[in-house]
Amino acid sequence: MIKRKIEKGVGLVEVLVALIILALGVLGFSALQLRALDAAQEATAQTVAMNTARDLVERIRVNRTALARYRTTINAQTIDEDKLACNGTISRDASPATTKIDLPKCNPSAMAEHDATEILKKAKSHGQVIVMANCVASSMNCVYVAWAPTTITATNISQCVNTTTGTYIVDAKCLVMEAF
């Protein structure tokens, strides 16, 4: 009588199937990691855009009388270093008190140009474009911040929002903040 040996171990086919399943799992995990990285970059861009827009709106709130100058300077998109001349203060007597107070070296209009130029530099350094325009279907001012690949101008925000309804365009890389 012939005795048969019972096979022990794993065959080559089983090993190959296991490797294919493992490779598919690794590919899926890699795709998930890439998507997470993309989402993190988008969240960072939105946060930076929100901070830039909020910075502009806070400066306008402090210097509300120069709203038109802010809008004009922001929409011109020109960074003029000469407009950054509002640094420093002038010391004056604080009547009726005998103490001195420090006042900015410029008027509201010059301060608006100074602030707007700083905001434009900040936006440009982050690869963003910032404009001020009327909100859709409203007389209020909106601050629009866009980054690549979305492009906007003071006269054309159609890549960011629907100019009839005011809703965001799908996959637009922009932010809208309503203010004043």
N, C-alpha and C. Protein backbone atom coordinates (compact mmCIF):
# COMPACT_ATOMS: atom_id res chain seq x y z
N MET A 1 0.82 -1.16 0.00
CA MET A 1 0.00 0.00 0.00
C MET A 1 0.88 1.24 0.00
N ILE A 2 0.44 2.18 -0.83
CA ILE A 2 1.20 3.42 -0.96
C ILE A 2 0.60 4.47 -0.02
N LYS A 3 1.48 5.04 0.73
CA LYS A 3 1.03 6.10 1.63
C LYS A 3 1.19 7.45 0.93
N ARG A 4 0.16 8.22 1.02
CA ARG A 4 0.23 9.58 0.45
C ARG A 4 0.63 10.56 1.53
N LYS A 5 1.43 11.47 1.07
CA LYS A 5 1.83 12.54 1.99
C LYS A 5 0.78 13.63 1.96
N ILE A 6 0.37 14.10 3.08
CA ILE A 6 -0.58 15.22 3.13
C ILE A 6 0.24 16.50 2.98
N GLU A 7 -0.25 17.34 2.06
CA GLU A 7 0.49 18.59 1.81
C GLU A 7 0.39 19.51 3.01
N LYS A 8 1.49 20.15 3.28
CA LYS A 8 1.54 21.12 4.36
C LYS A 8 2.06 22.42 3.79
N GLY A 9 1.59 23.54 4.32
CA GLY A 9 2.06 24.83 3.85
C GLY A 9 1.05 25.51 2.94
N VAL A 10 1.49 26.58 2.33
CA VAL A 10 0.63 27.41 1.50
C VAL A 10 1.13 27.36 0.07
N GLY A 11 0.19 27.24 -0.86
CA GLY A 11 0.56 27.19 -2.27
C GLY A 11 0.85 28.57 -2.82
N LEU A 12 1.52 28.60 -3.94
CA LEU A 12 1.90 29.85 -4.60
C LEU A 12 0.69 30.69 -4.99
N VAL A 13 -0.37 30.07 -5.41
CA VAL A 13 -1.57 30.80 -5.83
C VAL A 13 -2.16 31.56 -4.65
N GLU A 14 -2.25 30.92 -3.50
CA GLU A 14 -2.79 31.58 -2.32
C GLU A 14 -1.94 32.79 -1.92
N VAL A 15 -0.65 32.66 -2.02
CA VAL A 15 0.25 33.77 -1.70
C VAL A 15 0.02 34.93 -2.65
N LEU A 16 -0.10 34.63 -3.94
CA LEU A 16 -0.33 35.69 -4.93
C LEU A 16 -1.66 36.40 -4.70
N VAL A 17 -2.70 35.65 -4.40
CA VAL A 17 -4.01 36.25 -4.11
C VAL A 17 -3.92 37.16 -2.88
N ALA A 18 -3.24 36.70 -1.86
CA ALA A 18 -3.08 37.51 -0.65
C ALA A 18 -2.31 38.79 -0.94
N LEU A 19 -1.26 38.69 -1.77
CA LEU A 19 -0.49 39.89 -2.13
C LEU A 19 -1.32 40.88 -2.93
N ILE A 20 -2.16 40.38 -3.83
CA ILE A 20 -3.02 41.27 -4.62
C ILE A 20 -4.01 42.00 -3.70
N ILE A 21 -4.60 41.27 -2.79
CA ILE A 21 -5.53 41.90 -1.84
C ILE A 21 -4.82 42.93 -0.99
N LEU A 22 -3.63 42.62 -0.52
CA LEU A 22 -2.84 43.57 0.26
C LEU A 22 -2.50 44.81 -0.56
N ALA A 23 -2.10 44.61 -1.81
CA ALA A 23 -1.76 45.74 -2.68
C ALA A 23 -2.97 46.65 -2.90
N LEU A 24 -4.14 46.07 -3.10
CA LEU A 24 -5.35 46.88 -3.26
C LEU A 24 -5.66 47.68 -2.00
N GLY A 25 -5.46 47.07 -0.86
CA GLY A 25 -5.66 47.78 0.41
C GLY A 25 -4.70 48.95 0.57
N VAL A 26 -3.44 48.74 0.22
CA VAL A 26 -2.44 49.81 0.32
C VAL A 26 -2.77 50.94 -0.66
N LEU A 27 -3.19 50.59 -1.87
CA LEU A 27 -3.59 51.62 -2.84
C LEU A 27 -4.78 52.43 -2.33
N GLY A 28 -5.76 51.76 -1.74
CA GLY A 28 -6.92 52.45 -1.19
C GLY A 28 -6.52 53.39 -0.06
N PHE A 29 -5.64 52.91 0.80
CA PHE A 29 -5.16 53.75 1.90
C PHE A 29 -4.39 54.96 1.37
N SER A 30 -3.57 54.76 0.36
CA SER A 30 -2.81 55.87 -0.24
C SER A 30 -3.75 56.90 -0.85
N ALA A 31 -4.79 56.44 -1.54
CA ALA A 31 -5.76 57.37 -2.12
C ALA A 31 -6.47 58.16 -1.02
N LEU A 32 -6.79 57.51 0.06
CA LEU A 32 -7.42 58.17 1.19
C LEU A 32 -6.50 59.23 1.80
N GLN A 33 -5.23 58.92 1.91
CA GLN A 33 -4.26 59.87 2.44
C GLN A 33 -4.14 61.10 1.53
N LEU A 34 -4.10 60.88 0.21
CA LEU A 34 -4.02 62.00 -0.73
C LEU A 34 -5.25 62.88 -0.63
N ARG A 35 -6.42 62.28 -0.50
CA ARG A 35 -7.66 63.06 -0.37
C ARG A 35 -7.65 63.86 0.93
N ALA A 36 -7.16 63.27 2.01
CA ALA A 36 -7.08 63.97 3.29
C ALA A 36 -6.11 65.14 3.20
N LEU A 37 -5.01 64.96 2.51
CA LEU A 37 -4.05 66.04 2.32
C LEU A 37 -4.66 67.18 1.53
N ASP A 38 -5.39 66.86 0.47
CA ASP A 38 -6.07 67.87 -0.34
C ASP A 38 -7.10 68.64 0.50
N ALA A 39 -7.85 67.93 1.32
CA ALA A 39 -8.85 68.57 2.18
C ALA A 39 -8.18 69.49 3.21
N ALA A 40 -7.05 69.07 3.74
CA ALA A 40 -6.33 69.90 4.70
C ALA A 40 -5.80 71.17 4.05
N GLN A 41 -5.29 71.07 2.82
CA GLN A 41 -4.81 72.25 2.11
C GLN A 41 -5.95 73.21 1.81
N GLU A 42 -7.10 72.69 1.43
CA GLU A 42 -8.27 73.53 1.16
C GLU A 42 -8.74 74.23 2.43
N ALA A 43 -8.74 73.51 3.55
CA ALA A 43 -9.13 74.11 4.83
C ALA A 43 -8.17 75.22 5.23
N THR A 44 -6.89 75.01 4.99
CA THR A 44 -5.90 76.05 5.29
C THR A 44 -6.13 77.28 4.44
N ALA A 45 -6.38 77.09 3.15
CA ALA A 45 -6.64 78.23 2.25
C ALA A 45 -7.89 78.99 2.68
N GLN A 46 -8.93 78.28 3.09
CA GLN A 46 -10.16 78.94 3.54
C GLN A 46 -9.92 79.72 4.83
N THR A 47 -9.14 79.16 5.73
CA THR A 47 -8.84 79.84 6.98
C THR A 47 -8.05 81.12 6.74
N VAL A 48 -7.06 81.04 5.87
CA VAL A 48 -6.26 82.22 5.54
C VAL A 48 -7.14 83.28 4.87
N ALA A 49 -8.02 82.86 3.97
CA ALA A 49 -8.92 83.80 3.30
C ALA A 49 -9.86 84.45 4.30
N MET A 50 -10.39 83.67 5.23
CA MET A 50 -11.28 84.22 6.25
C MET A 50 -10.55 85.22 7.13
N ASN A 51 -9.32 84.92 7.50
CA ASN A 51 -8.54 85.85 8.32
C ASN A 51 -8.25 87.14 7.57
N THR A 52 -7.93 87.04 6.29
CA THR A 52 -7.65 88.23 5.48
C THR A 52 -8.90 89.10 5.37
N ALA A 53 -10.03 88.48 5.06
CA ALA A 53 -11.29 89.23 4.94
C ALA A 53 -11.68 89.85 6.27
N ARG A 54 -11.54 89.10 7.35
CA ARG A 54 -11.89 89.62 8.67
C ARG A 54 -10.98 90.79 9.05
N ASP A 55 -9.70 90.68 8.73
CA ASP A 55 -8.76 91.76 9.00
C ASP A 55 -9.20 93.04 8.29
N LEU A 56 -9.57 92.93 7.02
CA LEU A 56 -10.03 94.10 6.27
C LEU A 56 -11.30 94.68 6.89
N VAL A 57 -12.26 93.83 7.21
CA VAL A 57 -13.53 94.30 7.76
C VAL A 57 -13.32 94.97 9.12
N GLU A 58 -12.44 94.45 9.94
CA GLU A 58 -12.17 95.08 11.24
C GLU A 58 -11.53 96.45 11.06
N ARG A 59 -10.64 96.57 10.10
CA ARG A 59 -10.01 97.87 9.85
C ARG A 59 -11.04 98.87 9.33
N ILE A 60 -11.96 98.40 8.48
CA ILE A 60 -13.01 99.29 7.98
C ILE A 60 -13.92 99.72 9.13
N ARG A 61 -14.23 98.80 10.03
CA ARG A 61 -15.10 99.13 11.16
C ARG A 61 -14.48 100.23 12.02
N VAL A 62 -13.20 100.20 12.20
CA VAL A 62 -12.51 101.21 12.99
C VAL A 62 -12.49 102.56 12.27
N ASN A 63 -12.41 102.54 10.95
CA ASN A 63 -12.28 103.76 10.14
C ASN A 63 -13.45 103.83 9.14
N ARG A 64 -14.66 103.73 9.64
CA ARG A 64 -15.86 103.59 8.80
C ARG A 64 -16.07 104.76 7.85
N THR A 65 -15.63 105.95 8.23
CA THR A 65 -15.86 107.12 7.36
C THR A 65 -15.12 107.02 6.04
N ALA A 66 -14.14 106.16 5.95
CA ALA A 66 -13.34 106.03 4.73
C ALA A 66 -13.68 104.76 3.95
N LEU A 67 -14.90 104.26 4.10
CA LEU A 67 -15.31 103.03 3.42
C LEU A 67 -15.09 103.10 1.91
N ALA A 68 -15.45 104.21 1.31
CA ALA A 68 -15.29 104.35 -0.15
C ALA A 68 -13.82 104.27 -0.55
N ARG A 69 -12.92 104.84 0.26
CA ARG A 69 -11.49 104.80 -0.05
C ARG A 69 -10.96 103.37 0.08
N TYR A 70 -11.42 102.64 1.09
CA TYR A 70 -11.02 101.23 1.21
C TYR A 70 -11.41 100.47 -0.06
N ARG A 71 -12.66 100.65 -0.47
CA ARG A 71 -13.17 99.92 -1.64
C ARG A 71 -12.38 100.28 -2.89
N THR A 72 -12.12 101.57 -3.09
CA THR A 72 -11.38 102.01 -4.27
C THR A 72 -9.96 101.45 -4.28
N THR A 73 -9.29 101.52 -3.15
CA THR A 73 -7.90 101.05 -3.08
C THR A 73 -7.81 99.54 -3.22
N ILE A 74 -8.70 98.81 -2.56
CA ILE A 74 -8.69 97.34 -2.68
C ILE A 74 -8.95 96.93 -4.12
N ASN A 75 -9.94 97.55 -4.76
CA ASN A 75 -10.31 97.15 -6.12
C ASN A 75 -9.31 97.58 -7.18
N ALA A 76 -8.47 98.56 -6.86
CA ALA A 76 -7.42 98.96 -7.81
C ALA A 76 -6.35 97.88 -7.93
N GLN A 77 -6.21 97.05 -6.89
CA GLN A 77 -5.25 95.94 -6.87
C GLN A 77 -3.80 96.40 -7.10
N THR A 78 -3.51 97.63 -6.71
CA THR A 78 -2.16 98.17 -6.87
C THR A 78 -1.51 98.31 -5.51
N ILE A 79 -0.37 97.68 -5.35
CA ILE A 79 0.36 97.80 -4.09
C ILE A 79 1.36 98.93 -4.24
N ASP A 80 1.06 100.03 -3.59
CA ASP A 80 1.90 101.23 -3.66
C ASP A 80 2.56 101.42 -2.29
N GLU A 81 3.85 101.18 -2.22
CA GLU A 81 4.58 101.28 -0.95
C GLU A 81 4.50 102.68 -0.35
N ASP A 82 4.28 103.70 -1.18
CA ASP A 82 4.17 105.06 -0.66
C ASP A 82 2.93 105.24 0.19
N LYS A 83 1.95 104.36 0.03
CA LYS A 83 0.72 104.46 0.81
C LYS A 83 0.87 103.82 2.19
N LEU A 84 2.04 103.31 2.48
CA LEU A 84 2.30 102.73 3.79
C LEU A 84 3.00 103.75 4.68
N ALA A 85 2.52 104.97 4.66
CA ALA A 85 3.18 106.06 5.37
C ALA A 85 2.47 106.46 6.65
N CYS A 86 1.53 105.68 7.12
CA CYS A 86 0.77 106.04 8.32
C CYS A 86 1.38 105.47 9.60
N ASN A 87 2.60 105.03 9.56
CA ASN A 87 3.22 104.48 10.76
C ASN A 87 3.63 105.61 11.69
N GLY A 88 3.51 105.34 12.97
CA GLY A 88 3.92 106.33 13.95
C GLY A 88 2.75 107.17 14.44
N THR A 89 3.06 108.00 15.43
CA THR A 89 2.03 108.84 16.03
C THR A 89 2.56 110.24 16.27
N ILE A 90 1.63 111.13 16.51
CA ILE A 90 1.96 112.50 16.89
C ILE A 90 1.42 112.70 18.30
N SER A 91 2.24 113.22 19.18
CA SER A 91 1.82 113.42 20.55
C SER A 91 1.15 114.79 20.67
N ARG A 92 -0.04 114.83 21.24
CA ARG A 92 -0.81 116.07 21.40
C ARG A 92 -1.29 116.19 22.84
N ASP A 93 -1.57 117.43 23.23
CA ASP A 93 -2.18 117.64 24.54
C ASP A 93 -3.61 117.14 24.51
N ALA A 94 -4.02 116.47 25.57
CA ALA A 94 -5.38 115.95 25.68
C ALA A 94 -6.19 116.92 26.52
N SER A 95 -6.76 117.89 25.86
CA SER A 95 -7.55 118.91 26.56
C SER A 95 -8.84 118.28 27.08
N PRO A 96 -9.29 118.54 28.26
CA PRO A 96 -8.76 119.44 29.27
C PRO A 96 -7.70 118.80 30.16
N ALA A 97 -7.42 117.52 29.97
CA ALA A 97 -6.43 116.86 30.82
C ALA A 97 -5.03 117.38 30.50
N THR A 98 -4.14 117.20 31.41
CA THR A 98 -2.77 117.67 31.22
C THR A 98 -1.88 116.59 30.63
N THR A 99 -2.43 115.46 30.33
CA THR A 99 -1.64 114.38 29.76
C THR A 99 -1.59 114.51 28.25
N LYS A 100 -0.69 113.76 27.65
CA LYS A 100 -0.57 113.76 26.19
C LYS A 100 -1.18 112.47 25.65
N ILE A 101 -1.73 112.56 24.43
CA ILE A 101 -2.24 111.38 23.76
C ILE A 101 -1.52 111.23 22.43
N ASP A 102 -1.44 110.02 21.95
CA ASP A 102 -0.80 109.76 20.67
C ASP A 102 -1.86 109.55 19.60
N LEU A 103 -1.78 110.31 18.53
CA LEU A 103 -2.70 110.21 17.41
C LEU A 103 -1.95 109.73 16.18
N PRO A 104 -2.62 109.01 15.28
CA PRO A 104 -1.96 108.58 14.05
C PRO A 104 -1.48 109.77 13.22
N LYS A 105 -0.42 109.58 12.45
CA LYS A 105 0.15 110.65 11.64
C LYS A 105 -0.63 110.91 10.36
N CYS A 106 -1.80 110.33 10.19
CA CYS A 106 -2.52 110.52 8.93
C CYS A 106 -4.01 110.69 9.16
N ASN A 107 -4.70 111.11 8.11
CA ASN A 107 -6.15 111.30 8.17
C ASN A 107 -6.85 109.98 7.83
N PRO A 108 -8.19 109.92 7.97
CA PRO A 108 -8.90 108.66 7.69
C PRO A 108 -8.69 108.12 6.28
N SER A 109 -8.64 109.00 5.29
CA SER A 109 -8.46 108.55 3.91
C SER A 109 -7.08 107.92 3.71
N ALA A 110 -6.06 108.56 4.24
CA ALA A 110 -4.70 108.02 4.13
C ALA A 110 -4.57 106.71 4.91
N MET A 111 -5.25 106.65 6.06
CA MET A 111 -5.22 105.42 6.84
C MET A 111 -5.89 104.28 6.08
N ALA A 112 -6.98 104.58 5.37
CA ALA A 112 -7.66 103.56 4.56
C ALA A 112 -6.74 103.04 3.46
N GLU A 113 -6.01 103.94 2.82
CA GLU A 113 -5.06 103.51 1.78
C GLU A 113 -3.95 102.65 2.38
N HIS A 114 -3.48 103.07 3.54
CA HIS A 114 -2.45 102.30 4.26
C HIS A 114 -2.96 100.89 4.58
N ASP A 115 -4.14 100.83 5.20
CA ASP A 115 -4.71 99.53 5.57
C ASP A 115 -4.96 98.65 4.34
N ALA A 116 -5.57 99.22 3.31
CA ALA A 116 -5.89 98.45 2.10
C ALA A 116 -4.63 97.92 1.43
N THR A 117 -3.58 98.73 1.42
CA THR A 117 -2.32 98.29 0.83
C THR A 117 -1.73 97.12 1.62
N GLU A 118 -1.80 97.20 2.95
CA GLU A 118 -1.32 96.09 3.77
C GLU A 118 -2.13 94.81 3.51
N ILE A 119 -3.44 94.95 3.37
CA ILE A 119 -4.29 93.79 3.10
C ILE A 119 -3.98 93.20 1.73
N LEU A 120 -3.79 94.06 0.73
CA LEU A 120 -3.44 93.57 -0.61
C LEU A 120 -2.12 92.80 -0.59
N LYS A 121 -1.14 93.32 0.14
CA LYS A 121 0.15 92.62 0.26
C LYS A 121 -0.02 91.26 0.94
N LYS A 122 -0.82 91.25 1.99
CA LYS A 122 -1.07 90.01 2.72
C LYS A 122 -1.75 88.98 1.81
N ALA A 123 -2.78 89.41 1.08
CA ALA A 123 -3.50 88.49 0.19
C ALA A 123 -2.57 87.98 -0.91
N LYS A 124 -1.78 88.87 -1.48
CA LYS A 124 -0.87 88.47 -2.56
C LYS A 124 0.16 87.46 -2.06
N SER A 125 0.65 87.67 -0.84
CA SER A 125 1.66 86.75 -0.30
C SER A 125 1.10 85.34 -0.10
N HIS A 126 -0.22 85.23 0.02
CA HIS A 126 -0.87 83.92 0.18
C HIS A 126 -1.46 83.41 -1.13
N GLY A 127 -1.18 84.11 -2.23
CA GLY A 127 -1.68 83.68 -3.53
C GLY A 127 -3.17 83.91 -3.69
N GLN A 128 -3.69 84.93 -3.03
CA GLN A 128 -5.11 85.22 -3.08
C GLN A 128 -5.38 86.59 -3.68
N VAL A 129 -6.60 86.76 -4.18
CA VAL A 129 -7.05 88.05 -4.70
C VAL A 129 -8.23 88.47 -3.85
N ILE A 130 -8.25 89.72 -3.41
CA ILE A 130 -9.34 90.23 -2.59
C ILE A 130 -9.96 91.42 -3.30
N VAL A 131 -11.28 91.45 -3.35
CA VAL A 131 -12.01 92.58 -3.95
C VAL A 131 -13.21 92.90 -3.07
N MET A 132 -13.69 94.13 -3.22
CA MET A 132 -14.92 94.56 -2.56
C MET A 132 -15.92 94.92 -3.65
N ALA A 133 -17.13 94.39 -3.51
CA ALA A 133 -18.20 94.68 -4.47
C ALA A 133 -19.52 94.61 -3.73
N ASN A 134 -20.56 95.10 -4.38
CA ASN A 134 -21.89 94.97 -3.78
C ASN A 134 -22.24 93.50 -3.67
N CYS A 135 -22.89 93.15 -2.58
CA CYS A 135 -23.39 91.79 -2.44
C CYS A 135 -24.48 91.57 -3.48
N VAL A 136 -24.64 90.34 -3.91
CA VAL A 136 -25.66 90.02 -4.91
C VAL A 136 -27.04 90.30 -4.30
N ALA A 137 -27.86 91.02 -5.05
CA ALA A 137 -29.23 91.37 -4.64
C ALA A 137 -29.27 92.15 -3.33
N SER A 138 -28.26 92.97 -3.10
CA SER A 138 -28.19 93.76 -1.87
C SER A 138 -27.34 95.00 -2.12
N SER A 139 -27.57 96.01 -1.32
CA SER A 139 -26.74 97.21 -1.44
C SER A 139 -25.56 97.17 -0.47
N MET A 140 -25.45 96.10 0.29
CA MET A 140 -24.34 95.98 1.23
C MET A 140 -23.06 95.64 0.48
N ASN A 141 -21.94 95.93 1.11
CA ASN A 141 -20.63 95.59 0.55
C ASN A 141 -20.25 94.18 0.98
N CYS A 142 -19.70 93.43 0.04
CA CYS A 142 -19.17 92.10 0.34
C CYS A 142 -17.68 92.10 0.04
N VAL A 143 -16.95 91.36 0.84
CA VAL A 143 -15.53 91.14 0.60
C VAL A 143 -15.42 89.75 -0.02
N TYR A 144 -14.80 89.70 -1.20
CA TYR A 144 -14.61 88.44 -1.92
C TYR A 144 -13.12 88.12 -1.92
N VAL A 145 -12.78 86.92 -1.51
CA VAL A 145 -11.39 86.46 -1.53
C VAL A 145 -11.36 85.17 -2.36
N ALA A 146 -10.49 85.13 -3.37
CA ALA A 146 -10.39 83.95 -4.23
C ALA A 146 -8.93 83.52 -4.34
N TRP A 147 -8.74 82.23 -4.56
CA TRP A 147 -7.39 81.69 -4.77
C TRP A 147 -7.46 80.70 -5.92
N ALA A 148 -6.29 80.34 -6.44
CA ALA A 148 -6.21 79.53 -7.66
C ALA A 148 -7.02 78.26 -7.53
N PRO A 149 -7.70 77.88 -8.58
CA PRO A 149 -7.73 78.41 -9.94
C PRO A 149 -8.82 79.47 -10.17
N THR A 150 -9.60 79.81 -9.14
CA THR A 150 -10.67 80.80 -9.30
C THR A 150 -10.07 82.19 -9.41
N THR A 151 -10.53 82.96 -10.39
CA THR A 151 -10.07 84.34 -10.55
C THR A 151 -11.28 85.28 -10.49
N ILE A 152 -11.10 86.39 -9.80
CA ILE A 152 -12.15 87.39 -9.70
C ILE A 152 -11.55 88.77 -9.90
N THR A 153 -12.40 89.72 -10.27
CA THR A 153 -12.02 91.13 -10.33
C THR A 153 -13.14 91.92 -9.68
N ALA A 154 -12.93 93.20 -9.52
CA ALA A 154 -13.95 94.05 -8.91
C ALA A 154 -15.22 94.09 -9.75
N THR A 155 -15.09 93.87 -11.05
CA THR A 155 -16.25 93.93 -11.94
C THR A 155 -16.75 92.55 -12.36
N ASN A 156 -16.04 91.48 -11.98
CA ASN A 156 -16.46 90.15 -12.41
C ASN A 156 -16.20 89.13 -11.29
N ILE A 157 -17.25 88.79 -10.58
CA ILE A 157 -17.16 87.80 -9.50
C ILE A 157 -17.87 86.51 -9.89
N SER A 158 -18.15 86.35 -11.18
CA SER A 158 -18.97 85.22 -11.64
C SER A 158 -18.31 83.85 -11.47
N GLN A 159 -16.99 83.79 -11.31
CA GLN A 159 -16.35 82.49 -11.06
C GLN A 159 -16.49 82.08 -9.59
N CYS A 160 -16.87 83.04 -8.76
CA CYS A 160 -17.00 82.79 -7.32
C CYS A 160 -18.45 82.50 -6.93
N VAL A 161 -19.35 83.39 -7.34
CA VAL A 161 -20.76 83.24 -6.98
C VAL A 161 -21.65 83.44 -8.20
N ASN A 162 -22.84 82.88 -8.13
CA ASN A 162 -23.84 83.11 -9.15
C ASN A 162 -24.31 84.56 -8.99
N THR A 163 -24.16 85.37 -10.02
CA THR A 163 -24.46 86.80 -9.90
C THR A 163 -25.95 87.10 -9.88
N THR A 164 -26.79 86.09 -9.99
CA THR A 164 -28.23 86.28 -9.88
C THR A 164 -28.74 85.88 -8.50
N THR A 165 -28.27 84.73 -8.02
CA THR A 165 -28.77 84.22 -6.75
C THR A 165 -27.82 84.44 -5.58
N GLY A 166 -26.54 84.64 -5.86
CA GLY A 166 -25.55 84.83 -4.80
C GLY A 166 -25.01 83.53 -4.22
N THR A 167 -25.41 82.39 -4.78
CA THR A 167 -24.91 81.11 -4.28
C THR A 167 -23.51 80.84 -4.83
N TYR A 168 -22.74 80.10 -4.06
CA TYR A 168 -21.39 79.75 -4.50
C TYR A 168 -21.43 78.89 -5.76
N ILE A 169 -20.45 79.08 -6.62
CA ILE A 169 -20.28 78.22 -7.78
C ILE A 169 -19.62 76.92 -7.30
N VAL A 170 -20.08 75.79 -7.82
CA VAL A 170 -19.52 74.49 -7.42
C VAL A 170 -18.02 74.45 -7.71
N ASP A 171 -17.25 74.00 -6.75
CA ASP A 171 -15.79 73.87 -6.83
C ASP A 171 -15.05 75.20 -6.94
N ALA A 172 -15.72 76.31 -6.68
CA ALA A 172 -15.03 77.61 -6.68
C ALA A 172 -14.15 77.69 -5.45
N LYS A 173 -12.98 78.25 -5.63
CA LYS A 173 -12.04 78.43 -4.53
C LYS A 173 -12.13 79.89 -4.09
N CYS A 174 -13.17 80.20 -3.33
CA CYS A 174 -13.36 81.59 -2.90
C CYS A 174 -14.18 81.63 -1.62
N LEU A 175 -14.21 82.84 -1.06
CA LEU A 175 -14.93 83.08 0.17
C LEU A 175 -15.65 84.42 0.03
N VAL A 176 -16.84 84.53 0.57
CA VAL A 176 -17.60 85.77 0.53
C VAL A 176 -17.94 86.16 1.96
N MET A 177 -17.65 87.41 2.32
CA MET A 177 -18.00 87.92 3.64
C MET A 177 -18.81 89.19 3.47
N GLU A 178 -20.02 89.19 3.99
CA GLU A 178 -20.89 90.36 3.91
C GLU A 178 -20.53 91.32 5.03
N ALA A 179 -20.39 92.59 4.67
CA ALA A 179 -20.02 93.59 5.67
C ALA A 179 -20.49 94.97 5.24
N PHE A 180 -20.98 95.73 6.14
CA PHE A 180 -21.37 97.13 5.93
C PHE A 180 -22.28 97.31 4.75
